[in-house]
Amino acid sequence: MATPPGCGARPGCETLGAMSARSTSIDRFYIGRLQPLAPEGQLSGIVKNAVSGPLALGTLGLAGDQQGDPRYHGGPQKALHHYP
């Protein structure tokens, strides 16, 4: 079985074979567009709304979702944030 990229010997990192043997469900996805926040009017993607139906996940994140500061949010290493 292969070790996931970037896993190393970290506790909780599992082999791909063990991960694929599990099943899980996703309750909902939340996406949002950039919106100005008060009082300064800076653009932020913090406001998210639940969506239903199929949703594409690409290397930069979920289709239709935006992040206000790509230095710290989104991108290939942070394309999807989840709450277990």
C-alpha atoms as a PDB file:
ATOM      1  CA  MET A   1       0.000   0.000   0.000  1.00  0.00           C
ATOM      2  CA  ALA A   2       1.225   3.501  -0.840  1.00  0.00           C
ATOM      3  CA  THR A   3       1.669   6.311   1.666  1.00  0.00           C
ATOM      4  CA  PRO A   4      -0.222   9.512   0.805  1.00  0.00           C
ATOM      5  CA  PRO A   5       2.041  12.314  -0.493  1.00  0.00           C
ATOM      6  CA  GLY A   6       3.268  14.542   2.337  1.00  0.00           C
ATOM      7  CA  CYS A   7       2.148  12.055   4.958  1.00  0.00           C
ATOM      8  CA  GLY A   8       5.555  10.906   6.207  1.00  0.00           C
ATOM      9  CA  ALA A   9       5.362   9.323   9.652  1.00  0.00           C
ATOM     10  CA  ARG A  10       2.749  11.703  11.071  1.00  0.00           C
ATOM     11  CA  PRO A  11       0.257  10.142  13.478  1.00  0.00           C
ATOM     12  CA  GLY A  12      -3.142   9.717  11.855  1.00  0.00           C
ATOM     13  CA  CYS A  13      -1.725   9.478   8.328  1.00  0.00           C
ATOM     14  CA  GLU A  14      -2.916   6.240   6.794  1.00  0.00           C
ATOM     15  CA  THR A  15      -2.083   4.291   3.701  1.00  0.00           C
ATOM     16  CA  LEU A  16      -4.218   4.831   0.629  1.00  0.00           C
ATOM     17  CA  GLY A  17      -5.436   1.233   0.789  1.00  0.00           C
ATOM     18  CA  ALA A  18      -6.762   1.700   4.319  1.00  0.00           C
ATOM     19  CA  MET A  19      -8.397   4.985   3.388  1.00  0.00           C
ATOM     20  CA  SER A  20     -10.164   3.541   0.362  1.00  0.00           C
ATOM     21  CA  ALA A  21     -11.657   0.744   2.468  1.00  0.00           C
ATOM     22  CA  ARG A  22     -13.638   3.265   4.519  1.00  0.00           C
ATOM     23  CA  SER A  23     -16.925   4.832   3.596  1.00  0.00           C
ATOM     24  CA  THR A  24     -18.046   8.312   4.472  1.00  0.00           C
ATOM     25  CA  SER A  25     -20.824  10.714   3.697  1.00  0.00           C
ATOM     26  CA  ILE A  26     -20.829  14.423   3.046  1.00  0.00           C
ATOM     27  CA  ASP A  27     -23.679  16.375   4.601  1.00  0.00           C
ATOM     28  CA  ARG A  28     -23.321  19.551   2.565  1.00  0.00           C
ATOM     29  CA  PHE A  29     -20.947  21.837   0.707  1.00  0.00           C
ATOM     30  CA  TYR A  30     -20.698  25.572   1.291  1.00  0.00           C
ATOM     31  CA  ILE A  31     -19.493  28.020  -1.336  1.00  0.00           C
ATOM     32  CA  GLY A  32     -19.465  31.790  -1.629  1.00  0.00           C
ATOM     33  CA  ARG A  33     -18.490  34.707  -3.838  1.00  0.00           C
ATOM     34  CA  LEU A  34     -16.408  37.699  -2.817  1.00  0.00           C
ATOM     35  CA  GLN A  35     -18.449  40.347  -0.997  1.00  0.00           C
ATOM     36  CA  PRO A  36     -17.472  43.674   0.600  1.00  0.00           C
ATOM     37  CA  LEU A  37     -17.337  43.611   4.399  1.00  0.00           C
ATOM     38  CA  ALA A  38     -18.126  46.591   6.627  1.00  0.00           C
ATOM     39  CA  PRO A  39     -16.752  48.979   7.687  1.00  0.00           C
ATOM     40  CA  GLU A  40     -13.830  49.206   5.223  1.00  0.00           C
ATOM     41  CA  GLY A  41     -15.484  47.392   2.325  1.00  0.00           C
ATOM     42  CA  GLN A  42     -12.643  44.893   1.858  1.00  0.00           C
ATOM     43  CA  LEU A  43     -13.541  41.902  -0.300  1.00  0.00           C
ATOM     44  CA  SER A  44     -13.943  38.617   1.544  1.00  0.00           C
ATOM     45  CA  GLY A  45     -15.173  35.132   0.719  1.00  0.00           C
ATOM     46  CA  ILE A  46     -16.092  34.294   4.312  1.00  0.00           C
ATOM     47  CA  VAL A  47     -19.853  34.323   3.678  1.00  0.00           C
ATOM     48  CA  LYS A  48     -20.730  30.830   2.407  1.00  0.00           C
ATOM     49  CA  ASN A  49     -24.071  29.243   1.547  1.00  0.00           C
ATOM     50  CA  ALA A  50     -25.020  25.573   1.368  1.00  0.00           C
ATOM     51  CA  VAL A  51     -25.456  24.120  -2.109  1.00  0.00           C
ATOM     52  CA  SER A  52     -27.001  20.856  -3.221  1.00  0.00           C
ATOM     53  CA  GLY A  53     -26.353  18.590  -6.144  1.00  0.00           C
ATOM     54  CA  PRO A  54     -23.109  17.711  -7.896  1.00  0.00           C
ATOM     55  CA  LEU A  55     -20.221  20.124  -7.383  1.00  0.00           C
ATOM     56  CA  ALA A  56     -16.860  20.000  -9.138  1.00  0.00           C
ATOM     57  CA  LEU A  57     -13.634  20.050  -7.102  1.00  0.00           C
ATOM     58  CA  GLY A  58     -10.603  21.245  -9.022  1.00  0.00           C
ATOM     59  CA  THR A  59      -7.006  21.875  -8.018  1.00  0.00           C
ATOM     60  CA  LEU A  60      -7.923  25.366  -6.782  1.00  0.00           C
ATOM     61  CA  GLY A  61     -11.121  24.478  -4.918  1.00  0.00           C
ATOM     62  CA  LEU A  62     -14.849  23.983  -5.362  1.00  0.00           C
ATOM     63  CA  ALA A  63     -16.566  25.343  -8.449  1.00  0.00           C
ATOM     64  CA  GLY A  64     -18.264  28.652  -7.665  1.00  0.00           C
ATOM     65  CA  ASP A  65     -16.291  29.305  -4.465  1.00  0.00           C
ATOM     66  CA  GLN A  66     -13.953  32.285  -4.059  1.00  0.00           C
ATOM     67  CA  GLN A  67     -11.379  33.289  -1.464  1.00  0.00           C
ATOM     68  CA  GLY A  68     -10.493  36.893  -0.678  1.00  0.00           C
ATOM     69  CA  ASP A  69      -6.812  36.380   0.137  1.00  0.00           C
ATOM     70  CA  PRO A  70      -5.200  33.620  -1.947  1.00  0.00           C
ATOM     71  CA  ARG A  71      -1.949  33.935   0.026  1.00  0.00           C
ATOM     72  CA  TYR A  72      -3.594  32.151   2.939  1.00  0.00           C
ATOM     73  CA  HIS A  73      -6.723  30.514   1.504  1.00  0.00           C
ATOM     74  CA  GLY A  74      -7.343  28.180  -1.410  1.00  0.00           C
ATOM     75  CA  GLY A  75      -4.770  27.074  -3.940  1.00  0.00           C
ATOM     76  CA  PRO A  76      -3.421  23.607  -4.702  1.00  0.00           C
ATOM     77  CA  GLN A  77      -2.375  22.908  -1.100  1.00  0.00           C
ATOM     78  CA  LYS A  78      -5.631  24.229   0.433  1.00  0.00           C
ATOM     79  CA  ALA A  79      -8.250  23.493  -2.203  1.00  0.00           C
ATOM     80  CA  LEU A  80     -10.791  22.067   0.242  1.00  0.00           C
ATOM     81  CA  HIS A  81     -11.353  22.715   3.941  1.00  0.00           C
ATOM     82  CA  HIS A  82     -13.446  20.209   5.841  1.00  0.00           C
ATOM     83  CA  TYR A  83     -14.872  19.730   9.303  1.00  0.00           C
ATOM     84  CA  PRO A  84     -14.864  16.049  10.299  1.00  0.00           C
END
